[in-house]
PDB file of all heavy atoms in Angstrom:
ATOM      1  N   ARG A   1     -10.251  54.534  14.917  1.00  0.00           N
ATOM      2  CA  ARG A   1     -10.259  53.170  15.370  1.00  0.00           C
ATOM      3  C   ARG A   1      -8.829  52.721  15.748  1.00  0.00           C
ATOM      4  O   ARG A   1      -8.571  52.068  16.755  1.00  0.00           O
ATOM      5  CB  ARG A   1     -10.764  52.246  14.286  1.00  0.00           C
ATOM      6  CG  ARG A   1     -12.282  52.320  14.091  1.00  0.00           C
ATOM      7  CD  ARG A   1     -12.721  51.501  12.873  1.00  0.00           C
ATOM      8  NE  ARG A   1     -14.118  51.636  12.620  1.00  0.00           N
ATOM      9  CZ  ARG A   1     -14.751  51.094  11.620  1.00  0.00           C
ATOM     10  NH1 ARG A   1     -14.073  50.388  10.749  1.00  0.00           N
ATOM     11  NH2 ARG A   1     -16.066  51.294  11.437  1.00  0.00           N
ATOM     12  N   SER A   2      -7.850  53.160  14.896  1.00  0.00           N
ATOM     13  CA  SER A   2      -6.466  52.798  15.184  1.00  0.00           C
ATOM     14  C   SER A   2      -5.977  53.440  16.490  1.00  0.00           C
ATOM     15  O   SER A   2      -5.250  52.788  17.292  1.00  0.00           O
ATOM     16  CB  SER A   2      -5.542  53.301  14.051  1.00  0.00           C
ATOM     17  OG  SER A   2      -5.881  52.689  12.813  1.00  0.00           O
ATOM     18  N   LEU A   3      -6.449  54.627  16.737  1.00  0.00           N
ATOM     19  CA  LEU A   3      -6.031  55.374  17.955  1.00  0.00           C
ATOM     20  C   LEU A   3      -6.614  54.649  19.177  1.00  0.00           C
ATOM     21  O   LEU A   3      -5.983  54.464  20.176  1.00  0.00           O
ATOM     22  CB  LEU A   3      -6.518  56.823  17.923  1.00  0.00           C
ATOM     23  CG  LEU A   3      -6.169  57.680  19.102  1.00  0.00           C
ATOM     24  CD1 LEU A   3      -4.641  57.749  19.292  1.00  0.00           C
ATOM     25  CD2 LEU A   3      -6.763  59.078  18.960  1.00  0.00           C
ATOM     26  N   ILE A   4      -7.865  54.258  19.056  1.00  0.00           N
ATOM     27  CA  ILE A   4      -8.571  53.537  20.161  1.00  0.00           C
ATOM     28  C   ILE A   4      -7.872  52.213  20.498  1.00  0.00           C
ATOM     29  O   ILE A   4      -7.631  51.866  21.612  1.00  0.00           O
ATOM     30  CB  ILE A   4     -10.073  53.323  19.870  1.00  0.00           C
ATOM     31  CG1 ILE A   4     -10.829  54.659  19.847  1.00  0.00           C
ATOM     32  CG2 ILE A   4     -10.701  52.360  20.865  1.00  0.00           C
ATOM     33  CD1 ILE A   4     -12.231  54.581  19.339  1.00  0.00           C
ATOM     34  N   ILE A   5      -7.556  51.460  19.354  1.00  0.00           N
ATOM     35  CA  ILE A   5      -6.872  50.209  19.578  1.00  0.00           C
ATOM     36  C   ILE A   5      -5.502  50.397  20.192  1.00  0.00           C
ATOM     37  O   ILE A   5      -5.095  49.655  21.118  1.00  0.00           O
ATOM     38  CB  ILE A   5      -6.715  49.482  18.208  1.00  0.00           C
ATOM     39  CG1 ILE A   5      -8.073  49.086  17.694  1.00  0.00           C
ATOM     40  CG2 ILE A   5      -5.791  48.267  18.349  1.00  0.00           C
ATOM     41  CD1 ILE A   5      -8.068  48.478  16.267  1.00  0.00           C
ATOM     42  N   THR A   6      -4.784  51.441  19.774  1.00  0.00           N
ATOM     43  CA  THR A   6      -3.466  51.746  20.328  1.00  0.00           C
ATOM     44  C   THR A   6      -3.555  52.054  21.811  1.00  0.00           C
ATOM     45  O   THR A   6      -2.772  51.520  22.660  1.00  0.00           O
ATOM     46  CB  THR A   6      -2.804  52.916  19.550  1.00  0.00           C
ATOM     47  OG1 THR A   6      -2.693  52.563  18.192  1.00  0.00           O
ATOM     48  CG2 THR A   6      -1.408  53.189  20.133  1.00  0.00           C
ATOM     49  N   ILE A   7      -4.523  52.896  22.192  1.00  0.00           N
ATOM     50  CA  ILE A   7      -4.688  53.341  23.597  1.00  0.00           C
ATOM     51  C   ILE A   7      -5.077  52.081  24.442  1.00  0.00           C
ATOM     52  O   ILE A   7      -4.585  51.921  25.499  1.00  0.00           O
ATOM     53  CB  ILE A   7      -5.732  54.472  23.686  1.00  0.00           C
ATOM     54  CG1 ILE A   7      -5.187  55.721  23.024  1.00  0.00           C
ATOM     55  CG2 ILE A   7      -6.069  54.692  25.156  1.00  0.00           C
ATOM     56  CD1 ILE A   7      -6.222  56.845  22.981  1.00  0.00           C
ATOM     57  N   GLY A   8      -5.966  51.348  23.841  1.00  0.00           N
ATOM     58  CA  GLY A   8      -6.460  50.129  24.559  1.00  0.00           C
ATOM     59  C   GLY A   8      -5.333  49.132  24.857  1.00  0.00           C
ATOM     60  O   GLY A   8      -5.160  48.577  25.977  1.00  0.00           O
ATOM     61  N   THR A   9      -4.462  48.941  23.852  1.00  0.00           N
ATOM     62  CA  THR A   9      -3.331  48.054  23.987  1.00  0.00           C
ATOM     63  C   THR A   9      -2.323  48.577  25.039  1.00  0.00           C
ATOM     64  O   THR A   9      -1.833  47.770  25.871  1.00  0.00           O
ATOM     65  CB  THR A   9      -2.592  47.883  22.647  1.00  0.00           C
ATOM     66  OG1 THR A   9      -3.502  47.446  21.644  1.00  0.00           O
ATOM     67  CG2 THR A   9      -1.418  46.965  22.773  1.00  0.00           C
ATOM     68  N   ALA A  10      -2.158  49.872  25.016  1.00  0.00           N
ATOM     69  CA  ALA A  10      -1.209  50.495  25.992  1.00  0.00           C
ATOM     70  C   ALA A  10      -1.777  50.351  27.443  1.00  0.00           C
ATOM     71  O   ALA A  10      -1.004  50.077  28.361  1.00  0.00           O
ATOM     72  CB  ALA A  10      -0.995  51.982  25.691  1.00  0.00           C
ATOM     73  N   VAL A  11      -3.057  50.573  27.583  1.00  0.00           N
ATOM     74  CA  VAL A  11      -3.707  50.423  28.919  1.00  0.00           C
ATOM     75  C   VAL A  11      -3.557  49.014  29.400  1.00  0.00           C
ATOM     76  O   VAL A  11      -3.274  48.772  30.565  1.00  0.00           O
ATOM     77  CB  VAL A  11      -5.173  50.922  28.868  1.00  0.00           C
ATOM     78  CG1 VAL A  11      -5.865  50.555  30.141  1.00  0.00           C
ATOM     79  CG2 VAL A  11      -5.210  52.390  28.606  1.00  0.00           C
ATOM     80  N   MET A  12      -3.889  48.028  28.511  1.00  0.00           N
ATOM     81  CA  MET A  12      -3.856  46.701  28.956  1.00  0.00           C
ATOM     82  C   MET A  12      -2.420  46.246  29.321  1.00  0.00           C
ATOM     83  O   MET A  12      -2.189  45.493  30.276  1.00  0.00           O
ATOM     84  CB  MET A  12      -4.328  45.748  27.805  1.00  0.00           C
ATOM     85  CG  MET A  12      -5.822  45.912  27.510  1.00  0.00           C
ATOM     86  SD  MET A  12      -6.853  45.425  28.886  1.00  0.00           S
ATOM     87  CE  MET A  12      -6.534  43.655  28.893  1.00  0.00           C
ATOM     88  N   ALA A  13      -1.429  46.713  28.564  1.00  0.00           N
ATOM     89  CA  ALA A  13      -0.060  46.385  28.907  1.00  0.00           C
ATOM     90  C   ALA A  13       0.399  47.044  30.203  1.00  0.00           C
ATOM     91  O   ALA A  13       1.133  46.473  30.998  1.00  0.00           O
ATOM     92  CB  ALA A  13       0.853  46.884  27.773  1.00  0.00           C
ATOM     93  N   GLY A  14      -0.163  48.280  30.442  1.00  0.00           N
ATOM     94  CA  GLY A  14       0.231  48.980  31.693  1.00  0.00           C
ATOM     95  C   GLY A  14      -0.356  48.388  32.883  1.00  0.00           C
ATOM     96  O   GLY A  14       0.141  48.543  34.036  1.00  0.00           O
ATOM     97  N   CYS A  15      -1.443  47.646  32.810  1.00  0.00           N
ATOM     98  CA  CYS A  15      -2.137  47.021  33.926  1.00  0.00           C
ATOM     99  C   CYS A  15      -1.800  45.556  34.076  1.00  0.00           C
ATOM    100  O   CYS A  15      -2.462  44.833  34.782  1.00  0.00           O
ATOM    101  CB  CYS A  15      -3.630  47.216  33.760  1.00  0.00           C
ATOM    102  SG  CYS A  15      -4.195  48.935  33.874  1.00  0.00           S
ATOM    103  N   SER A  16      -0.807  45.079  33.475  1.00  0.00           N
ATOM    104  CA  SER A  16      -0.424  43.682  33.588  1.00  0.00           C
ATOM    105  C   SER A  16       0.109  43.394  34.967  1.00  0.00           C
ATOM    106  O   SER A  16       0.601  44.279  35.639  1.00  0.00           O
ATOM    107  CB  SER A  16       0.600  43.281  32.472  1.00  0.00           C
ATOM    108  OG  SER A  16       1.811  44.000  32.781  1.00  0.00           O
ATOM    109  N   VAL A  17       0.098  42.161  35.293  1.00  0.00           N
ATOM    110  CA  VAL A  17       0.609  41.732  36.601  1.00  0.00           C
ATOM    111  C   VAL A  17       2.143  42.013  36.785  1.00  0.00           C
ATOM    112  O   VAL A  17       2.539  42.451  37.823  1.00  0.00           O
ATOM    113  CB  VAL A  17       0.319  40.214  36.811  1.00  0.00           C
ATOM    114  CG1 VAL A  17       0.898  39.749  38.183  1.00  0.00           C
ATOM    115  CG2 VAL A  17      -1.211  39.999  36.809  1.00  0.00           C
ATOM    116  N   ASP A  18       2.861  41.774  35.702  1.00  0.00           N
ATOM    117  CA  ASP A  18       4.283  42.021  35.748  1.00  0.00           C
ATOM    118  C   ASP A  18       4.627  43.485  36.069  1.00  0.00           C
ATOM    119  O   ASP A  18       5.643  43.769  36.716  1.00  0.00           O
ATOM    120  CB  ASP A  18       4.899  41.575  34.413  1.00  0.00           C
ATOM    121  CG  ASP A  18       4.894  40.065  34.226  1.00  0.00           C
ATOM    122  OD1 ASP A  18       4.780  39.392  35.285  1.00  0.00           O
ATOM    123  OD2 ASP A  18       4.955  39.656  33.077  1.00  0.00           O
ATOM    124  N   PHE A  19       3.833  44.315  35.530  1.00  0.00           N
ATOM    125  CA  PHE A  19       4.067  45.800  35.768  1.00  0.00           C
ATOM    126  C   PHE A  19       3.907  46.171  37.217  1.00  0.00           C
ATOM    127  O   PHE A  19       4.617  47.058  37.704  1.00  0.00           O
ATOM    128  CB  PHE A  19       3.069  46.634  34.951  1.00  0.00           C
ATOM    129  CG  PHE A  19       3.181  48.092  35.149  1.00  0.00           C
ATOM    130  CD1 PHE A  19       4.225  48.791  34.466  1.00  0.00           C
ATOM    131  CD2 PHE A  19       2.343  48.788  35.945  1.00  0.00           C
ATOM    132  CE1 PHE A  19       4.319  50.194  34.652  1.00  0.00           C
ATOM    133  CE2 PHE A  19       2.415  50.149  36.093  1.00  0.00           C
ATOM    134  CZ  PHE A  19       3.448  50.799  35.485  1.00  0.00           C
ATOM    135  N   LEU A  20       3.086  45.422  37.957  1.00  0.00           N
ATOM    136  CA  LEU A  20       2.821  45.747  39.339  1.00  0.00           C
ATOM    137  C   LEU A  20       3.804  45.122  40.307  1.00  0.00           C
ATOM    138  O   LEU A  20       3.868  45.419  41.470  1.00  0.00           O
ATOM    139  CB  LEU A  20       1.405  45.284  39.739  1.00  0.00           C
ATOM    140  CG  LEU A  20       0.250  46.063  39.012  1.00  0.00           C
ATOM    141  CD1 LEU A  20      -1.055  45.345  39.406  1.00  0.00           C
ATOM    142  CD2 LEU A  20       0.262  47.520  39.288  1.00  0.00           C
ATOM    143  N   LYS A  21       4.643  44.208  39.791  1.00  0.00           N
ATOM    144  CA  LYS A  21       5.644  43.585  40.678  1.00  0.00           C
ATOM    145  C   LYS A  21       6.711  44.604  41.094  1.00  0.00           C
ATOM    146  O   LYS A  21       7.266  45.263  40.230  1.00  0.00           O
ATOM    147  CB  LYS A  21       6.291  42.391  39.961  1.00  0.00           C
ATOM    148  CG  LYS A  21       5.344  41.190  39.802  1.00  0.00           C
ATOM    149  CD  LYS A  21       6.068  40.026  39.152  1.00  0.00           C
ATOM    150  CE  LYS A  21       5.118  38.824  39.003  1.00  0.00           C
ATOM    151  NZ  LYS A  21       5.785  37.732  38.323  1.00  0.00           N
ATOM    152  N   PRO A  22       7.057  44.628  42.398  1.00  0.00           N
ATOM    153  CA  PRO A  22       8.114  45.605  42.816  1.00  0.00           C
ATOM    154  C   PRO A  22       9.507  45.136  42.330  1.00  0.00           C
ATOM    155  O   PRO A  22       9.779  43.925  42.211  1.00  0.00           O
ATOM    156  CB  PRO A  22       8.057  45.516  44.338  1.00  0.00           C
ATOM    157  CG  PRO A  22       7.468  44.168  44.596  1.00  0.00           C
ATOM    158  CD  PRO A  22       6.526  43.866  43.485  1.00  0.00           C
ATOM    159  N   ASP A  23      10.297  46.095  42.063  1.00  0.00           N
ATOM    160  CA  ASP A  23      11.658  45.768  41.596  1.00  0.00           C
ATOM    161  C   ASP A  23      12.649  46.697  42.368  1.00  0.00           C
ATOM    162  O   ASP A  23      13.230  47.676  41.857  1.00  0.00           O
ATOM    163  CB  ASP A  23      11.815  46.078  40.086  1.00  0.00           C
ATOM    164  CG  ASP A  23      13.169  45.667  39.526  1.00  0.00           C
ATOM    165  OD1 ASP A  23      13.851  44.838  40.168  1.00  0.00           O
ATOM    166  OD2 ASP A  23      13.570  46.221  38.516  1.00  0.00           O
ATOM    167  N   PRO A  24      12.882  46.404  43.627  1.00  0.00           N
ATOM    168  CA  PRO A  24      13.732  47.226  44.478  1.00  0.00           C
ATOM    169  C   PRO A  24      15.183  47.186  44.056  1.00  0.00           C
ATOM    170  O   PRO A  24      15.641  46.207  43.551  1.00  0.00           O
ATOM    171  CB  PRO A  24      13.558  46.585  45.889  1.00  0.00           C
ATOM    172  CG  PRO A  24      13.197  45.204  45.645  1.00  0.00           C
ATOM    173  CD  PRO A  24      12.356  45.207  44.391  1.00  0.00           C
ATOM    174  N   LEU A  25      15.817  48.300  44.191  1.00  0.00           N
ATOM    175  CA  LEU A  25      17.243  48.411  43.813  1.00  0.00           C
ATOM    176  C   LEU A  25      18.148  47.747  44.824  1.00  0.00           C
ATOM    177  O   LEU A  25      19.248  47.323  44.516  1.00  0.00           O
ATOM    178  CB  LEU A  25      17.633  49.860  43.574  1.00  0.00           C
ATOM    179  CG  LEU A  25      16.878  50.604  42.480  1.00  0.00           C
ATOM    180  CD1 LEU A  25      17.336  52.028  42.393  1.00  0.00           C
ATOM    181  CD2 LEU A  25      17.097  49.907  41.150  1.00  0.00           C
ATOM    182  N   SER A  26      17.700  47.697  46.066  1.00  0.00           N
ATOM    183  CA  SER A  26      18.483  47.091  47.097  1.00  0.00           C
ATOM    184  C   SER A  26      17.534  46.671  48.272  1.00  0.00           C
ATOM    185  O   SER A  26      16.398  47.098  48.337  1.00  0.00           O
ATOM    186  CB  SER A  26      19.567  48.105  47.654  1.00  0.00           C
ATOM    187  OG  SER A  26      18.949  49.189  48.216  1.00  0.00           O
ATOM    188  N   PHE A  27      18.074  45.807  49.162  1.00  0.00           N
ATOM    189  CA  PHE A  27      17.287  45.344  50.302  1.00  0.00           C
ATOM    190  C   PHE A  27      18.027  45.782  51.560  1.00  0.00           C
ATOM    191  O   PHE A  27      19.138  45.366  51.813  1.00  0.00           O
ATOM    192  CB  PHE A  27      17.153  43.818  50.235  1.00  0.00           C
ATOM    193  CG  PHE A  27      16.253  43.345  49.181  1.00  0.00           C
ATOM    194  CD1 PHE A  27      16.777  42.982  47.918  1.00  0.00           C
ATOM    195  CD2 PHE A  27      14.889  43.193  49.389  1.00  0.00           C
ATOM    196  CE1 PHE A  27      15.972  42.555  46.952  1.00  0.00           C
ATOM    197  CE2 PHE A  27      14.047  42.750  48.359  1.00  0.00           C
ATOM    198  CZ  PHE A  27      14.616  42.417  47.075  1.00  0.00           C
ATOM    199  N   TYR A  28      17.377  46.658  52.358  1.00  0.00           N
ATOM    200  CA  TYR A  28      17.926  47.044  53.657  1.00  0.00           C
ATOM    201  C   TYR A  28      17.505  46.029  54.721  1.00  0.00           C
ATOM    202  O   TYR A  28      16.506  46.210  55.383  1.00  0.00           O
ATOM    203  CB  TYR A  28      17.475  48.490  54.006  1.00  0.00           C
ATOM    204  CG  TYR A  28      18.217  49.025  55.248  1.00  0.00           C
ATOM    205  CD1 TYR A  28      19.513  49.465  55.102  1.00  0.00           C
ATOM    206  CD2 TYR A  28      17.579  49.089  56.475  1.00  0.00           C
ATOM    207  CE1 TYR A  28      20.188  49.953  56.187  1.00  0.00           C
ATOM    208  CE2 TYR A  28      18.268  49.602  57.553  1.00  0.00           C
ATOM    209  CZ  TYR A  28      19.537  50.018  57.409  1.00  0.00           C
ATOM    210  OH  TYR A  28      20.229  50.545  58.507  1.00  0.00           O
ATOM    211  N   GLU A  29      18.292  44.970  54.785  1.00  0.00           N
ATOM    212  CA  GLU A  29      17.958  43.884  55.663  1.00  0.00           C
ATOM    213  C   GLU A  29      19.248  43.478  56.381  1.00  0.00           C
ATOM    214  O   GLU A  29      20.290  43.497  55.730  1.00  0.00           O
ATOM    215  CB  GLU A  29      17.313  42.762  54.882  1.00  0.00           C
ATOM    216  CG  GLU A  29      16.719  41.645  55.682  1.00  0.00           C
ATOM    217  CD  GLU A  29      17.670  40.513  56.020  1.00  0.00           C
ATOM    218  OE1 GLU A  29      18.627  40.346  55.188  1.00  0.00           O
ATOM    219  OE2 GLU A  29      17.505  39.843  56.990  1.00  0.00           O
ATOM    220  N   PRO A  30      19.201  43.173  57.713  1.00  0.00           N
ATOM    221  CA  PRO A  30      20.444  42.939  58.462  1.00  0.00           C
ATOM    222  C   PRO A  30      21.454  41.989  57.790  1.00  0.00           C
ATOM    223  O   PRO A  30      22.662  42.358  57.751  1.00  0.00           O
ATOM    224  CB  PRO A  30      19.981  42.413  59.785  1.00  0.00           C
ATOM    225  CG  PRO A  30      18.536  43.020  59.971  1.00  0.00           C
ATOM    226  CD  PRO A  30      18.005  43.088  58.554  1.00  0.00           C
ATOM    227  N   THR A  31      20.965  40.845  57.309  1.00  0.00           N
ATOM    228  CA  THR A  31      21.951  39.884  56.756  1.00  0.00           C
ATOM    229  C   THR A  31      22.614  40.424  55.493  1.00  0.00           C
ATOM    230  O   THR A  31      23.723  39.947  55.155  1.00  0.00           O
ATOM    231  CB  THR A  31      21.233  38.554  56.399  1.00  0.00           C
ATOM    232  OG1 THR A  31      20.120  38.828  55.558  1.00  0.00           O
ATOM    233  CG2 THR A  31      20.751  37.885  57.664  1.00  0.00           C
ATOM    234  N   ASN A  32      22.051  41.367  54.841  1.00  0.00           N
ATOM    235  CA  ASN A  32      22.667  42.010  53.691  1.00  0.00           C
ATOM    236  C   ASN A  32      23.509  43.213  54.156  1.00  0.00           C
ATOM    237  O   ASN A  32      24.658  43.421  53.728  1.00  0.00           O
ATOM    238  CB  ASN A  32      21.595  42.538  52.659  1.00  0.00           C
ATOM    239  CG  ASN A  32      20.931  41.329  51.974  1.00  0.00           C
ATOM    240  OD1 ASN A  32      21.535  40.300  51.743  1.00  0.00           O
ATOM    241  ND2 ASN A  32      19.680  41.542  51.681  1.00  0.00           N
ATOM    242  N   THR A  33      22.918  44.020  55.006  1.00  0.00           N
ATOM    243  CA  THR A  33      23.564  45.293  55.420  1.00  0.00           C
ATOM    244  C   THR A  33      24.850  44.979  56.181  1.00  0.00           C
ATOM    245  O   THR A  33      25.911  45.656  55.989  1.00  0.00           O
ATOM    246  CB  THR A  33      22.612  46.103  56.315  1.00  0.00           C
ATOM    247  OG1 THR A  33      21.421  46.371  55.575  1.00  0.00           O
ATOM    248  CG2 THR A  33      23.281  47.419  56.699  1.00  0.00           C
ATOM    249  N   PHE A  34      24.846  43.995  57.081  1.00  0.00           N
ATOM    250  CA  PHE A  34      25.970  43.771  57.944  1.00  0.00           C
ATOM    251  C   PHE A  34      26.819  42.584  57.447  1.00  0.00           C
ATOM    252  O   PHE A  34      27.423  41.873  58.250  1.00  0.00           O
ATOM    253  CB  PHE A  34      25.517  43.504  59.383  1.00  0.00           C
ATOM    254  CG  PHE A  34      24.736  44.650  59.940  1.00  0.00           C
ATOM    255  CD1 PHE A  34      23.422  44.416  60.427  1.00  0.00           C
ATOM    256  CD2 PHE A  34      25.251  45.898  60.019  1.00  0.00           C
ATOM    257  CE1 PHE A  34      22.681  45.479  60.966  1.00  0.00           C
ATOM    258  CE2 PHE A  34      24.532  47.003  60.509  1.00  0.00           C
ATOM    259  CZ  PHE A  34      23.274  46.775  60.991  1.00  0.00           C
TER     260      PHE A  34
END
């Protein structure tokens, strides 16, 4: 039961909206690049 709960919690956390938000390291866009 503990293992199932742990896996379920991990799956739910992994599928959160925040996890899917992109976090680019930089933006290759003219106003930034030039």
